[in-house]
N, C-alpha and C. Protein backbone atom coordinates (compact mmCIF):
# COMPACT_ATOMS: atom_id res chain seq x y z
N MET A 1 94.75 120.20 96.59
CA MET A 1 96.17 120.12 96.88
C MET A 1 96.60 121.13 97.95
N ASP A 2 95.69 121.99 98.36
CA ASP A 2 96.03 122.98 99.38
C ASP A 2 96.24 122.36 100.74
N ASN A 3 95.70 121.16 100.98
CA ASN A 3 95.80 120.55 102.29
C ASN A 3 96.93 119.53 102.41
N LEU A 4 97.92 119.60 101.54
CA LEU A 4 99.04 118.68 101.60
C LEU A 4 99.95 119.01 102.77
N LYS A 5 100.31 117.98 103.52
CA LYS A 5 101.17 118.16 104.69
C LYS A 5 102.62 117.75 104.43
N TYR A 6 102.79 116.72 103.59
CA TYR A 6 104.12 116.15 103.38
C TYR A 6 104.64 116.30 101.95
N PHE A 7 103.74 116.36 100.99
CA PHE A 7 104.14 116.34 99.59
C PHE A 7 103.72 117.62 98.87
N THR A 8 104.20 117.76 97.63
CA THR A 8 103.96 118.98 96.85
C THR A 8 102.86 118.82 95.81
N GLY A 9 102.58 117.58 95.41
CA GLY A 9 101.66 117.34 94.30
C GLY A 9 102.38 117.30 92.96
N VAL A 10 103.68 117.49 92.95
CA VAL A 10 104.52 117.37 91.75
C VAL A 10 105.25 116.03 91.86
N TYR A 11 104.97 115.12 90.94
CA TYR A 11 105.44 113.74 91.06
C TYR A 11 106.95 113.63 91.29
N GLU A 12 107.75 114.30 90.48
CA GLU A 12 109.21 114.18 90.59
C GLU A 12 109.70 114.67 91.95
N ALA A 13 109.15 115.76 92.45
CA ALA A 13 109.52 116.27 93.78
C ALA A 13 109.07 115.31 94.87
N ASP A 14 107.88 114.76 94.71
CA ASP A 14 107.35 113.85 95.73
C ASP A 14 108.13 112.54 95.78
N GLN A 15 108.70 112.13 94.65
CA GLN A 15 109.57 110.95 94.64
C GLN A 15 110.79 111.18 95.54
N VAL A 16 111.37 112.36 95.44
CA VAL A 16 112.54 112.69 96.27
C VAL A 16 112.14 112.77 97.75
N ILE A 17 111.00 113.36 98.02
CA ILE A 17 110.53 113.48 99.41
C ILE A 17 110.29 112.10 100.02
N MET A 18 109.61 111.21 99.30
CA MET A 18 109.35 109.87 99.84
C MET A 18 110.66 109.11 100.03
N TYR A 19 111.59 109.27 99.09
CA TYR A 19 112.90 108.63 99.24
C TYR A 19 113.54 109.07 100.55
N GLN A 20 113.47 110.36 100.87
CA GLN A 20 114.07 110.88 102.10
C GLN A 20 113.39 110.29 103.34
N PHE A 21 112.06 110.15 103.31
CA PHE A 21 111.37 109.54 104.45
C PHE A 21 111.84 108.11 104.65
N ILE A 22 111.90 107.33 103.57
CA ILE A 22 112.32 105.93 103.68
C ILE A 22 113.78 105.84 104.10
N ASP A 23 114.61 106.72 103.57
CA ASP A 23 116.03 106.71 103.87
C ASP A 23 116.30 106.88 105.37
N GLU A 24 115.45 107.63 106.05
CA GLU A 24 115.62 107.87 107.49
C GLU A 24 115.13 106.70 108.35
N MET A 25 114.41 105.77 107.76
CA MET A 25 113.88 104.64 108.51
C MET A 25 114.92 103.52 108.63
N ILE A 26 114.88 102.84 109.76
CA ILE A 26 115.70 101.65 109.94
C ILE A 26 114.85 100.46 109.50
N VAL A 27 115.18 99.91 108.35
CA VAL A 27 114.42 98.79 107.78
C VAL A 27 115.35 97.59 107.73
N GLU A 28 115.16 96.69 108.68
CA GLU A 28 115.97 95.48 108.74
C GLU A 28 115.07 94.28 108.52
N SER A 29 115.53 93.34 107.73
CA SER A 29 114.72 92.15 107.45
C SER A 29 114.58 91.30 108.70
N GLY A 30 113.38 90.76 108.87
CA GLY A 30 113.14 89.79 109.93
C GLY A 30 113.56 88.41 109.47
N THR A 31 113.36 87.44 110.32
CA THR A 31 113.78 86.07 110.05
C THR A 31 113.17 85.52 108.76
N ASP A 32 111.86 85.75 108.56
CA ASP A 32 111.21 85.21 107.36
C ASP A 32 111.80 85.78 106.08
N ARG A 33 112.04 87.09 106.06
CA ARG A 33 112.62 87.73 104.87
C ARG A 33 114.07 87.31 104.67
N ASN A 34 114.81 87.14 105.76
CA ASN A 34 116.20 86.70 105.64
C ASN A 34 116.30 85.30 105.04
N LYS A 35 115.28 84.46 105.26
CA LYS A 35 115.26 83.12 104.67
C LYS A 35 115.09 83.21 103.15
N ILE A 36 114.36 84.22 102.69
CA ILE A 36 114.15 84.42 101.25
C ILE A 36 115.40 84.99 100.61
N TYR A 37 115.94 86.04 101.23
CA TYR A 37 117.14 86.68 100.70
C TYR A 37 117.80 87.45 101.84
N TYR A 38 119.05 87.11 102.15
CA TYR A 38 119.75 87.80 103.22
C TYR A 38 120.47 89.02 102.67
N ILE A 39 120.34 90.14 103.37
CA ILE A 39 121.06 91.35 103.04
C ILE A 39 121.64 91.91 104.33
N ASN A 40 122.86 92.41 104.26
CA ASN A 40 123.50 93.01 105.43
C ASN A 40 122.62 94.15 105.94
N PRO A 41 122.23 94.13 107.22
CA PRO A 41 121.35 95.17 107.77
C PRO A 41 121.89 96.60 107.60
N LYS A 42 123.18 96.75 107.45
CA LYS A 42 123.74 98.09 107.23
C LYS A 42 123.40 98.61 105.83
N LYS A 43 123.14 97.69 104.90
CA LYS A 43 122.83 98.07 103.53
C LYS A 43 121.33 98.26 103.30
N GLY A 44 120.51 97.49 104.02
CA GLY A 44 119.07 97.60 103.82
C GLY A 44 118.32 96.42 104.38
N GLY A 45 117.14 96.20 103.83
CA GLY A 45 116.31 95.09 104.28
C GLY A 45 114.90 95.25 103.76
N SER A 46 114.02 94.41 104.28
CA SER A 46 112.63 94.40 103.89
C SER A 46 111.79 94.14 105.12
N ASN A 47 110.83 95.02 105.36
CA ASN A 47 110.03 94.89 106.57
C ASN A 47 108.62 95.39 106.33
N LEU A 48 107.70 94.88 107.11
CA LEU A 48 106.29 95.20 106.99
C LEU A 48 105.89 96.38 107.86
N PHE A 49 105.07 97.27 107.30
CA PHE A 49 104.46 98.36 108.05
C PHE A 49 102.96 98.08 108.10
N GLY A 50 102.43 97.93 109.29
CA GLY A 50 100.99 97.66 109.42
C GLY A 50 100.71 96.80 110.62
N TYR A 51 100.09 95.65 110.37
CA TYR A 51 99.65 94.77 111.45
C TYR A 51 100.14 93.35 111.22
N THR A 52 100.24 92.60 112.31
CA THR A 52 100.64 91.21 112.24
C THR A 52 99.84 90.42 113.27
N TRP A 53 99.71 89.14 113.04
CA TRP A 53 99.05 88.26 114.00
C TRP A 53 100.01 87.78 115.07
N ARG A 54 101.32 88.01 114.87
CA ARG A 54 102.33 87.55 115.83
C ARG A 54 102.40 88.53 117.02
N PRO A 55 102.15 88.05 118.24
CA PRO A 55 102.14 88.94 119.40
C PRO A 55 103.52 89.26 119.96
N TYR A 56 104.57 88.74 119.36
CA TYR A 56 105.91 88.91 119.93
C TYR A 56 106.90 89.39 118.87
N LEU A 57 107.90 90.14 119.34
CA LEU A 57 109.04 90.51 118.50
C LEU A 57 110.17 89.51 118.69
N SER A 58 110.30 89.07 119.92
CA SER A 58 111.31 88.08 120.29
C SER A 58 110.75 87.34 121.51
N PRO A 59 111.43 86.30 121.97
CA PRO A 59 110.91 85.59 123.14
C PRO A 59 110.72 86.47 124.39
N THR A 60 111.41 87.59 124.42
CA THR A 60 111.30 88.46 125.62
C THR A 60 110.62 89.80 125.34
N ARG A 61 110.22 90.06 124.09
CA ARG A 61 109.61 91.35 123.76
C ARG A 61 108.30 91.16 123.01
N ASN A 62 107.22 91.66 123.58
CA ASN A 62 105.91 91.57 122.95
C ASN A 62 105.66 92.77 122.05
N ARG A 63 104.75 92.62 121.11
CA ARG A 63 104.33 93.71 120.24
C ARG A 63 103.21 94.50 120.92
N THR A 64 102.98 95.70 120.41
CA THR A 64 101.89 96.54 120.88
C THR A 64 100.58 96.07 120.27
N PRO A 65 99.55 95.82 121.10
CA PRO A 65 98.26 95.45 120.51
C PRO A 65 97.73 96.59 119.63
N SER A 66 97.10 96.23 118.52
CA SER A 66 96.54 97.24 117.61
C SER A 66 95.10 97.51 118.01
N GLU A 67 94.46 98.40 117.25
CA GLU A 67 93.05 98.69 117.49
C GLU A 67 92.14 97.55 117.01
N TYR A 68 92.72 96.57 116.32
CA TYR A 68 91.96 95.43 115.81
C TYR A 68 92.20 94.21 116.70
N ASP A 69 91.15 93.50 117.03
CA ASP A 69 91.21 92.32 117.88
C ASP A 69 92.15 91.27 117.28
N LYS A 70 93.04 90.76 118.08
CA LYS A 70 93.98 89.69 117.73
C LYS A 70 95.01 90.09 116.68
N LEU A 71 95.23 91.39 116.51
CA LEU A 71 96.30 91.86 115.63
C LEU A 71 97.18 92.82 116.42
N TYR A 72 98.44 92.90 116.00
CA TYR A 72 99.44 93.70 116.71
C TYR A 72 100.14 94.62 115.72
N ASN A 73 100.63 95.73 116.21
CA ASN A 73 101.40 96.64 115.36
C ASN A 73 102.74 96.01 115.01
N THR A 74 103.16 96.21 113.77
CA THR A 74 104.51 95.79 113.41
C THR A 74 105.50 96.75 114.06
N LYS A 75 106.74 96.34 114.11
CA LYS A 75 107.80 97.16 114.70
C LYS A 75 107.89 98.52 114.02
N LEU A 76 107.81 98.55 112.68
CA LEU A 76 107.91 99.82 111.97
C LEU A 76 106.71 100.72 112.25
N LYS A 77 105.54 100.15 112.46
CA LYS A 77 104.36 100.97 112.79
C LYS A 77 104.54 101.66 114.13
N ASP A 78 105.15 100.95 115.08
CA ASP A 78 105.42 101.56 116.38
C ASP A 78 106.56 102.58 116.32
N LEU A 79 107.61 102.26 115.55
CA LEU A 79 108.77 103.17 115.47
C LEU A 79 108.48 104.45 114.69
N TYR A 80 107.64 104.34 113.66
CA TYR A 80 107.38 105.47 112.77
C TYR A 80 105.87 105.70 112.60
N PRO A 81 105.19 106.11 113.66
CA PRO A 81 103.72 106.24 113.59
C PRO A 81 103.24 107.26 112.55
N THR A 82 104.02 108.30 112.28
CA THR A 82 103.58 109.30 111.30
C THR A 82 103.68 108.77 109.86
N PHE A 83 104.39 107.66 109.65
CA PHE A 83 104.50 107.12 108.30
C PHE A 83 103.13 106.69 107.77
N LYS A 84 102.21 106.36 108.65
CA LYS A 84 100.84 106.03 108.23
C LYS A 84 100.24 107.21 107.46
N GLU A 85 100.39 108.42 108.00
CA GLU A 85 99.87 109.62 107.33
C GLU A 85 100.64 109.92 106.04
N ILE A 86 101.95 109.76 106.10
CA ILE A 86 102.80 110.03 104.93
C ILE A 86 102.41 109.10 103.78
N ALA A 87 102.31 107.80 104.07
CA ALA A 87 101.98 106.82 103.03
C ALA A 87 100.57 107.05 102.50
N LYS A 88 99.64 107.43 103.36
CA LYS A 88 98.27 107.68 102.93
C LYS A 88 98.20 108.91 102.03
N GLU A 89 98.93 109.99 102.39
CA GLU A 89 98.91 111.19 101.55
C GLU A 89 99.50 110.88 100.17
N TYR A 90 100.56 110.08 100.13
CA TYR A 90 101.15 109.69 98.85
C TYR A 90 100.13 108.88 98.03
N ARG A 91 99.48 107.93 98.68
CA ARG A 91 98.44 107.14 98.01
C ARG A 91 97.32 108.04 97.49
N ASP A 92 96.87 108.97 98.33
CA ASP A 92 95.78 109.87 97.93
C ASP A 92 96.13 110.69 96.70
N LEU A 93 97.39 111.02 96.55
CA LEU A 93 97.84 111.79 95.39
C LEU A 93 97.93 110.96 94.12
N TYR A 94 98.46 109.73 94.23
CA TYR A 94 98.86 109.01 93.02
C TYR A 94 98.07 107.74 92.70
N PHE A 95 97.31 107.20 93.63
CA PHE A 95 96.41 106.07 93.35
C PHE A 95 95.30 106.07 94.41
N PRO A 96 94.46 107.11 94.38
CA PRO A 96 93.54 107.42 95.47
C PRO A 96 92.46 106.39 95.78
N LEU A 97 92.09 105.55 94.88
CA LEU A 97 91.01 104.60 95.13
C LEU A 97 91.49 103.27 95.69
N PHE A 98 92.79 103.11 95.80
CA PHE A 98 93.35 101.82 96.23
C PHE A 98 93.25 101.67 97.75
N LYS A 99 92.67 100.56 98.20
CA LYS A 99 92.57 100.27 99.63
C LYS A 99 93.64 99.26 100.00
N TYR A 100 94.25 99.48 101.16
CA TYR A 100 95.35 98.61 101.58
C TYR A 100 95.34 98.42 103.10
N SER A 101 95.90 97.31 103.53
CA SER A 101 96.02 97.03 104.96
C SER A 101 97.47 96.93 105.40
N GLN A 102 98.39 96.86 104.46
CA GLN A 102 99.81 96.69 104.77
C GLN A 102 100.66 97.43 103.73
N ILE A 103 101.89 97.72 104.12
CA ILE A 103 102.88 98.24 103.17
C ILE A 103 104.18 97.50 103.44
N GLN A 104 104.72 96.88 102.39
CA GLN A 104 106.04 96.27 102.51
C GLN A 104 107.05 97.35 102.14
N ILE A 105 108.00 97.60 103.02
CA ILE A 105 109.03 98.62 102.79
C ILE A 105 110.34 97.90 102.50
N ASN A 106 110.93 98.21 101.35
CA ASN A 106 112.16 97.56 100.92
C ASN A 106 113.24 98.61 100.70
N LYS A 107 114.41 98.35 101.29
CA LYS A 107 115.58 99.20 101.06
C LYS A 107 116.67 98.31 100.50
N ASN A 108 116.98 98.54 99.23
CA ASN A 108 118.06 97.80 98.56
C ASN A 108 117.87 96.29 98.68
N TYR A 109 116.64 95.85 98.53
CA TYR A 109 116.30 94.44 98.71
C TYR A 109 115.91 93.81 97.38
N PRO A 110 116.82 93.05 96.75
CA PRO A 110 116.55 92.45 95.43
C PRO A 110 115.87 91.08 95.58
N ILE A 111 114.58 91.09 95.76
CA ILE A 111 113.87 89.85 96.06
C ILE A 111 113.86 88.91 94.85
N PRO A 112 114.09 87.61 95.11
CA PRO A 112 114.07 86.63 94.02
C PRO A 112 112.63 86.32 93.58
N PRO A 113 112.47 85.52 92.51
CA PRO A 113 111.13 85.20 92.01
C PRO A 113 110.23 84.60 93.09
N HIS A 114 109.01 85.12 93.16
CA HIS A 114 108.05 84.66 94.17
C HIS A 114 106.64 85.11 93.80
N LYS A 115 105.66 84.56 94.49
CA LYS A 115 104.28 85.05 94.46
C LYS A 115 103.93 85.45 95.88
N ASP A 116 103.10 86.45 96.01
CA ASP A 116 102.63 86.91 97.33
C ASP A 116 101.35 86.15 97.65
N SER A 117 101.50 84.92 98.08
CA SER A 117 100.37 84.00 98.17
C SER A 117 99.28 84.44 99.15
N LEU A 118 99.60 85.25 100.14
CA LEU A 118 98.60 85.67 101.11
C LEU A 118 97.90 86.97 100.73
N ASN A 119 98.39 87.66 99.72
CA ASN A 119 97.77 88.92 99.32
C ASN A 119 96.43 88.67 98.63
N ILE A 120 95.56 89.67 98.73
CA ILE A 120 94.25 89.59 98.09
C ILE A 120 94.22 90.61 96.97
N GLY A 121 94.05 90.13 95.75
CA GLY A 121 93.93 91.03 94.62
C GLY A 121 95.21 91.76 94.30
N GLU A 122 95.04 92.97 93.79
CA GLU A 122 96.18 93.73 93.28
C GLU A 122 96.97 94.42 94.40
N SER A 123 98.23 94.68 94.09
CA SER A 123 99.13 95.46 94.93
C SER A 123 99.57 96.66 94.10
N VAL A 124 100.08 97.69 94.77
CA VAL A 124 100.65 98.83 94.06
C VAL A 124 102.11 98.95 94.46
N LEU A 125 102.98 98.95 93.46
CA LEU A 125 104.42 99.06 93.64
C LEU A 125 104.87 100.48 93.32
N CYS A 126 105.63 101.08 94.23
CA CYS A 126 106.22 102.41 94.02
C CYS A 126 107.71 102.30 94.31
N CYS A 127 108.55 102.78 93.39
CA CYS A 127 110.00 102.71 93.58
C CYS A 127 110.61 104.11 93.63
N PHE A 128 111.71 104.22 94.37
CA PHE A 128 112.37 105.50 94.60
C PHE A 128 113.88 105.29 94.59
N GLY A 129 114.61 106.29 94.13
CA GLY A 129 116.06 106.24 94.22
C GLY A 129 116.75 106.50 92.91
N ASP A 130 118.05 106.64 93.01
CA ASP A 130 118.90 106.89 91.86
C ASP A 130 119.72 105.62 91.65
N TYR A 131 119.15 104.67 90.96
CA TYR A 131 119.79 103.38 90.75
C TYR A 131 119.73 103.02 89.28
N THR A 132 120.58 102.10 88.89
CA THR A 132 120.54 101.56 87.54
C THR A 132 120.19 100.08 87.65
N GLY A 133 119.49 99.56 86.64
CA GLY A 133 118.98 98.19 86.73
C GLY A 133 117.75 98.20 87.62
N GLY A 134 117.53 97.10 88.33
CA GLY A 134 116.48 97.05 89.34
C GLY A 134 115.06 97.03 88.83
N GLU A 135 114.86 96.65 87.57
CA GLU A 135 113.49 96.57 87.06
C GLU A 135 112.75 95.45 87.79
N THR A 136 111.47 95.62 87.95
CA THR A 136 110.62 94.56 88.47
C THR A 136 110.15 93.74 87.28
N LYS A 137 110.37 92.46 87.34
CA LYS A 137 109.93 91.55 86.28
C LYS A 137 108.67 90.85 86.76
N ILE A 138 107.67 90.78 85.88
CA ILE A 138 106.41 90.11 86.19
C ILE A 138 106.15 89.07 85.11
N ASN A 139 106.14 87.80 85.51
CA ASN A 139 105.94 86.71 84.56
C ASN A 139 104.44 86.49 84.38
N LEU A 140 103.96 86.73 83.17
CA LEU A 140 102.54 86.58 82.84
C LEU A 140 102.25 85.26 82.14
N GLY A 141 103.19 84.35 82.18
CA GLY A 141 103.04 83.06 81.49
C GLY A 141 103.93 83.03 80.27
N LYS A 142 103.38 83.44 79.13
CA LYS A 142 104.16 83.41 77.88
C LYS A 142 105.01 84.66 77.71
N THR A 143 104.72 85.71 78.47
CA THR A 143 105.50 86.94 78.38
C THR A 143 105.92 87.38 79.78
N THR A 144 106.97 88.18 79.81
CA THR A 144 107.45 88.76 81.06
C THR A 144 107.54 90.27 80.88
N LEU A 145 106.83 90.98 81.74
CA LEU A 145 106.88 92.45 81.73
C LEU A 145 108.11 92.93 82.48
N SER A 146 108.65 94.05 82.06
CA SER A 146 109.74 94.71 82.76
C SER A 146 109.24 96.09 83.17
N ILE A 147 109.16 96.34 84.48
CA ILE A 147 108.55 97.56 85.01
C ILE A 147 109.58 98.39 85.78
N ASP A 148 109.59 99.68 85.52
CA ASP A 148 110.36 100.61 86.36
C ASP A 148 109.33 101.49 87.07
N ALA A 149 109.02 101.15 88.30
CA ALA A 149 107.96 101.85 89.04
C ALA A 149 108.42 103.18 89.63
N ARG A 150 109.57 103.69 89.18
CA ARG A 150 109.93 105.08 89.50
C ARG A 150 109.12 106.03 88.63
N ASP A 151 108.81 105.58 87.41
CA ASP A 151 108.09 106.42 86.46
C ASP A 151 106.68 106.74 86.93
N LYS A 152 106.02 105.77 87.53
CA LYS A 152 104.69 105.94 88.09
C LYS A 152 104.39 104.68 88.90
N PRO A 153 103.49 104.77 89.88
CA PRO A 153 103.10 103.57 90.62
C PRO A 153 102.53 102.53 89.66
N TYR A 154 102.80 101.27 89.94
CA TYR A 154 102.36 100.20 89.06
C TYR A 154 101.51 99.20 89.84
N LYS A 155 100.33 98.91 89.32
CA LYS A 155 99.39 97.99 89.97
C LYS A 155 99.42 96.65 89.26
N PHE A 156 99.56 95.58 90.04
CA PHE A 156 99.52 94.22 89.48
C PHE A 156 99.14 93.23 90.57
N ASN A 157 98.77 92.04 90.16
CA ASN A 157 98.36 91.01 91.11
C ASN A 157 99.55 90.12 91.45
N GLY A 158 100.22 90.44 92.54
CA GLY A 158 101.41 89.69 92.96
C GLY A 158 101.09 88.33 93.54
N SER A 159 99.82 88.07 93.87
CA SER A 159 99.46 86.74 94.34
C SER A 159 99.22 85.78 93.18
N ARG A 160 99.01 86.33 92.01
CA ARG A 160 98.72 85.52 90.82
C ARG A 160 99.95 85.33 89.92
N PHE A 161 100.79 86.37 89.85
CA PHE A 161 101.92 86.34 88.92
C PHE A 161 103.26 86.36 89.66
N LYS A 162 104.14 85.47 89.26
CA LYS A 162 105.48 85.43 89.83
C LYS A 162 106.21 86.71 89.42
N HIS A 163 106.94 87.31 90.37
CA HIS A 163 107.66 88.56 90.11
C HIS A 163 108.95 88.60 90.92
N TRP A 164 109.88 89.46 90.48
CA TRP A 164 111.18 89.58 91.13
C TRP A 164 111.82 90.90 90.73
N VAL A 165 112.94 91.19 91.39
CA VAL A 165 113.70 92.41 91.11
C VAL A 165 115.03 92.02 90.47
N GLU A 166 115.32 92.65 89.35
CA GLU A 166 116.60 92.43 88.67
C GLU A 166 117.73 93.07 89.47
N PRO A 167 118.96 92.60 89.29
CA PRO A 167 120.10 93.21 89.98
C PRO A 167 120.18 94.72 89.69
N PHE A 168 120.71 95.46 90.64
CA PHE A 168 120.80 96.92 90.49
C PHE A 168 122.04 97.45 91.20
N GLU A 169 122.39 98.66 90.83
CA GLU A 169 123.46 99.40 91.51
C GLU A 169 122.89 100.71 91.98
N GLY A 170 123.30 101.16 93.17
CA GLY A 170 122.77 102.38 93.75
C GLY A 170 121.73 102.05 94.81
N ASN A 171 120.99 103.06 95.25
CA ASN A 171 119.96 102.86 96.27
C ASN A 171 118.60 102.72 95.61
N ARG A 172 117.98 101.56 95.84
CA ARG A 172 116.65 101.27 95.30
C ARG A 172 115.71 101.00 96.48
N TYR A 173 114.79 101.91 96.70
CA TYR A 173 113.81 101.76 97.76
C TYR A 173 112.45 101.53 97.11
N SER A 174 111.62 100.74 97.76
CA SER A 174 110.27 100.54 97.22
C SER A 174 109.25 100.38 98.33
N LEU A 175 108.02 100.73 97.99
CA LEU A 175 106.86 100.49 98.84
C LEU A 175 105.91 99.62 98.04
N VAL A 176 105.36 98.61 98.68
CA VAL A 176 104.32 97.78 98.06
C VAL A 176 103.09 97.88 98.96
N TYR A 177 102.08 98.56 98.46
CA TYR A 177 100.81 98.69 99.17
C TYR A 177 99.97 97.46 98.80
N PHE A 178 99.39 96.79 99.81
CA PHE A 178 98.59 95.60 99.51
C PHE A 178 97.58 95.34 100.61
N HIS A 179 96.68 94.39 100.34
CA HIS A 179 95.68 93.98 101.31
C HIS A 179 95.79 92.47 101.49
N ASN A 180 95.72 91.99 102.74
CA ASN A 180 95.83 90.55 102.93
C ASN A 180 94.98 89.99 104.06
N TYR A 181 93.89 90.65 104.38
CA TYR A 181 93.00 90.13 105.42
C TYR A 181 91.67 89.73 104.80
N LYS A 182 91.63 88.53 104.22
CA LYS A 182 90.46 88.05 103.48
C LYS A 182 89.20 88.04 104.35
N LYS A 183 89.32 87.59 105.58
CA LYS A 183 88.16 87.47 106.45
C LYS A 183 87.81 88.76 107.18
N ARG A 184 88.69 89.78 107.04
CA ARG A 184 88.45 91.03 107.75
C ARG A 184 88.75 92.22 106.85
N PRO A 185 87.88 92.48 105.87
CA PRO A 185 88.13 93.54 104.90
C PRO A 185 88.12 94.94 105.51
N GLU A 186 87.62 95.08 106.73
CA GLU A 186 87.59 96.39 107.37
C GLU A 186 88.96 96.85 107.84
N ILE A 187 89.91 95.95 107.87
CA ILE A 187 91.24 96.30 108.38
C ILE A 187 92.01 97.06 107.31
N LEU A 188 92.22 98.33 107.57
CA LEU A 188 92.99 99.19 106.68
C LEU A 188 93.94 100.00 107.52
N ILE A 189 95.07 100.36 106.94
CA ILE A 189 96.00 101.22 107.66
C ILE A 189 95.40 102.61 107.70
C-alpha cells in the first residue's frame, strides 16, 4: 500500500475519492444510451471508457486510433487519460484479479432492465454517492437479488442475467468493469 498514488487503501475514504474523480468528469450519454434511457446531460449520463470499433465521433470528427489495430479510443479515454491509472489502482485494491477491457461510467443513470449481450463473463459493479434507493436488481430466474454496490464491489454475469437500477434520489455514480473482446483477449485497459 506504500505505492498508492490516488487512494488510501481505506475503503470508505476511497469511495469518496472515486466519487470526486467521477464527479469532475463530463459523462454524457451517446445516441445508443439515449435510446435506452434519456437523461438530461446537465444531470448525468452513461458513457464508455476504453476502446470502440467506431472510427468517428460525428460525421465531421474522427476518434483517436488506439494502440490496438482497428480500435479507437473512446471520447472519455481521450478526455481523461489519467483515469486509466485511477481505475486500475482502484481495481488493484478491491478486486485485483479481475481483467477488463472497458469501463462503463454512469452518473445518475437509472438503466432499465437489460442484459449486456456483448460482454464476456462476469462484470464488476462499483457504486458511489450519497443516494437513497438505487439498488441494482439482478433477476436470477426464480429469485431477484437486490445489491447495493456501495458496500463493496459486486461481481455478476450481466450477459447472462437481466439487471436494472431501481429509482433513486441524490447522486448515484457507478463504474462497471467488464470485458467484451471475445476474439481479442489481449485487449485490456
